[in-house]
């Protein structure tokens, strides 16, 4: 019975969204503005790389637009597309924020799908 309970608790922990302190260094985000005129609305294109030992899904990113003097002009949430295997990356796109000259983008949540058997 104890082994069964421990297994259930371990599975619940894996199914729960992870906390920021647990994944420091697991994700690397890069981004750049789309080429001007590519779309009617300016957008930011980005990639999120998964360097964790897990396959993850529902990767949520917080995007903060910053003015020239580094003040926040707005925040938005965007999700990376699909599952991301360990060592792989996925993309995201978000509309540019009025008044933002740069962005601070970070992973704010994700769900673990499975452990990578090669780690």
Protein backbone atom coordinates (compact mmCIF):
# COMPACT_ATOMS: atom_id res chain seq x y z
CA UNK A 1 0.00 0.00 0.00
CA UNK A 2 2.83 2.44 0.82
CA UNK A 3 4.50 1.84 -2.54
CA UNK A 4 1.18 2.43 -4.31
CA UNK A 5 0.66 5.72 -2.42
CA UNK A 6 4.22 6.85 -3.16
CA UNK A 7 3.70 6.12 -6.86
CA UNK A 8 0.43 8.08 -6.92
CA UNK A 9 2.08 11.06 -5.18
CA UNK A 10 5.02 10.97 -7.61
CA UNK A 11 2.67 10.95 -10.60
CA UNK A 12 0.68 13.85 -9.16
CA UNK A 13 3.88 15.84 -8.72
CA UNK A 14 4.83 15.24 -12.36
CA UNK A 15 1.35 16.20 -13.57
CA UNK A 16 1.31 19.47 -11.62
CA UNK A 17 2.59 22.69 -13.18
CA UNK A 18 6.21 23.21 -12.16
CA UNK A 19 7.47 26.13 -10.10
CA UNK A 20 10.08 28.67 -11.25
CA UNK A 21 12.65 27.76 -8.59
CA UNK A 22 12.62 24.16 -9.83
CA UNK A 23 13.47 24.95 -13.45
CA UNK A 24 16.07 27.71 -13.34
CA UNK A 25 18.28 27.16 -16.39
CA UNK A 26 15.99 24.59 -18.00
CA UNK A 27 14.62 26.93 -20.68
CA UNK A 28 16.32 29.42 -22.98
CA UNK A 29 14.27 32.00 -24.87
CA UNK A 30 15.36 33.93 -27.95
CA UNK A 31 13.28 36.36 -29.97
CA UNK A 32 13.38 39.02 -32.68
CA UNK A 33 10.92 41.36 -34.35
CA UNK A 34 9.42 40.10 -37.59
CA UNK A 35 10.76 41.85 -40.68
CA UNK A 36 8.92 45.13 -41.21
CA UNK A 37 5.95 44.81 -43.55
CA UNK A 38 5.74 41.00 -43.27
CA UNK A 39 2.32 41.32 -41.62
CA UNK A 40 -0.09 44.25 -41.17
CA UNK A 41 0.47 44.11 -37.39
CA UNK A 42 4.07 44.11 -36.10
CA UNK A 43 4.87 40.89 -34.25
CA UNK A 44 7.63 39.28 -32.23
CA UNK A 45 8.80 35.79 -33.24
CA UNK A 46 10.60 33.65 -30.71
CA UNK A 47 11.95 30.26 -29.79
CA UNK A 48 12.02 28.47 -26.46
CA UNK A 49 14.58 25.70 -26.01
CA UNK A 50 13.94 22.92 -23.51
CA UNK A 51 17.19 21.93 -21.76
CA UNK A 52 15.37 20.06 -19.00
CA UNK A 53 15.48 16.26 -18.71
CA UNK A 54 11.73 16.16 -19.48
CA UNK A 55 9.36 16.31 -22.41
CA UNK A 56 7.10 19.28 -21.61
CA UNK A 57 3.86 20.78 -22.88
CA UNK A 58 1.71 23.86 -22.29
CA UNK A 59 4.83 26.03 -22.01
CA UNK A 60 3.59 29.46 -20.99
CA UNK A 61 5.76 32.54 -21.49
CA UNK A 62 5.36 35.94 -19.89
CA UNK A 63 6.21 38.76 -22.26
CA UNK A 64 6.94 42.18 -20.77
CA UNK A 65 7.33 45.13 -23.12
CA UNK A 66 9.92 47.70 -22.03
CA UNK A 67 10.31 51.34 -23.06
CA UNK A 68 13.64 52.95 -23.96
CA UNK A 69 14.15 53.80 -20.27
CA UNK A 70 13.39 50.16 -19.31
CA UNK A 71 9.94 50.87 -17.85
CA UNK A 72 7.21 48.31 -18.35
CA UNK A 73 4.66 49.28 -21.01
CA UNK A 74 2.64 46.07 -20.75
CA UNK A 75 2.58 42.35 -20.12
CA UNK A 76 1.10 39.49 -22.08
CA UNK A 77 1.05 35.72 -21.93
CA UNK A 78 1.77 33.46 -24.90
CA UNK A 79 2.19 29.70 -25.26
CA UNK A 80 4.86 27.84 -27.19
CA UNK A 81 3.47 25.53 -29.86
CA UNK A 82 3.03 21.86 -28.92
CA UNK A 83 5.14 19.53 -26.82
CA UNK A 84 8.88 20.18 -26.53
CA UNK A 85 11.20 17.20 -26.17
CA UNK A 86 14.34 17.51 -24.05
CA UNK A 87 17.04 19.25 -26.09
CA UNK A 88 14.54 20.57 -28.66
CA UNK A 89 12.79 23.88 -29.22
CA UNK A 90 9.43 25.30 -30.20
CA UNK A 91 8.26 28.65 -31.50
CA UNK A 92 5.88 31.37 -30.39
CA UNK A 93 4.54 34.58 -31.95
CA UNK A 94 3.00 37.59 -30.23
CA UNK A 95 1.92 41.04 -31.39
CA UNK A 96 4.37 43.82 -30.61
CA UNK A 97 3.34 46.16 -27.77
CA UNK A 98 2.88 49.86 -28.46
CA UNK A 99 5.72 51.83 -26.84
CA UNK A 100 7.97 48.80 -26.35
CA UNK A 101 11.49 48.99 -27.77
CA UNK A 102 12.61 45.70 -26.22
CA UNK A 103 11.11 42.76 -24.37
CA UNK A 104 11.76 40.60 -21.33
CA UNK A 105 10.44 37.11 -22.06
CA UNK A 106 10.55 34.20 -19.64
CA UNK A 107 8.91 30.83 -19.10
CA UNK A 108 6.29 31.19 -16.37
CA UNK A 109 4.72 27.70 -16.36
CA UNK A 110 4.77 24.31 -18.07
CA UNK A 111 3.55 20.75 -17.62
CA UNK A 112 5.78 17.67 -17.63
CA UNK A 113 4.71 14.99 -20.11
CA UNK A 114 7.42 12.42 -19.44
CA UNK A 115 11.06 11.93 -18.53
CA UNK A 116 13.53 11.65 -21.39
CA UNK A 117 14.93 8.09 -21.24
CA UNK A 118 18.36 9.28 -22.46
CA UNK A 119 18.92 11.41 -19.32
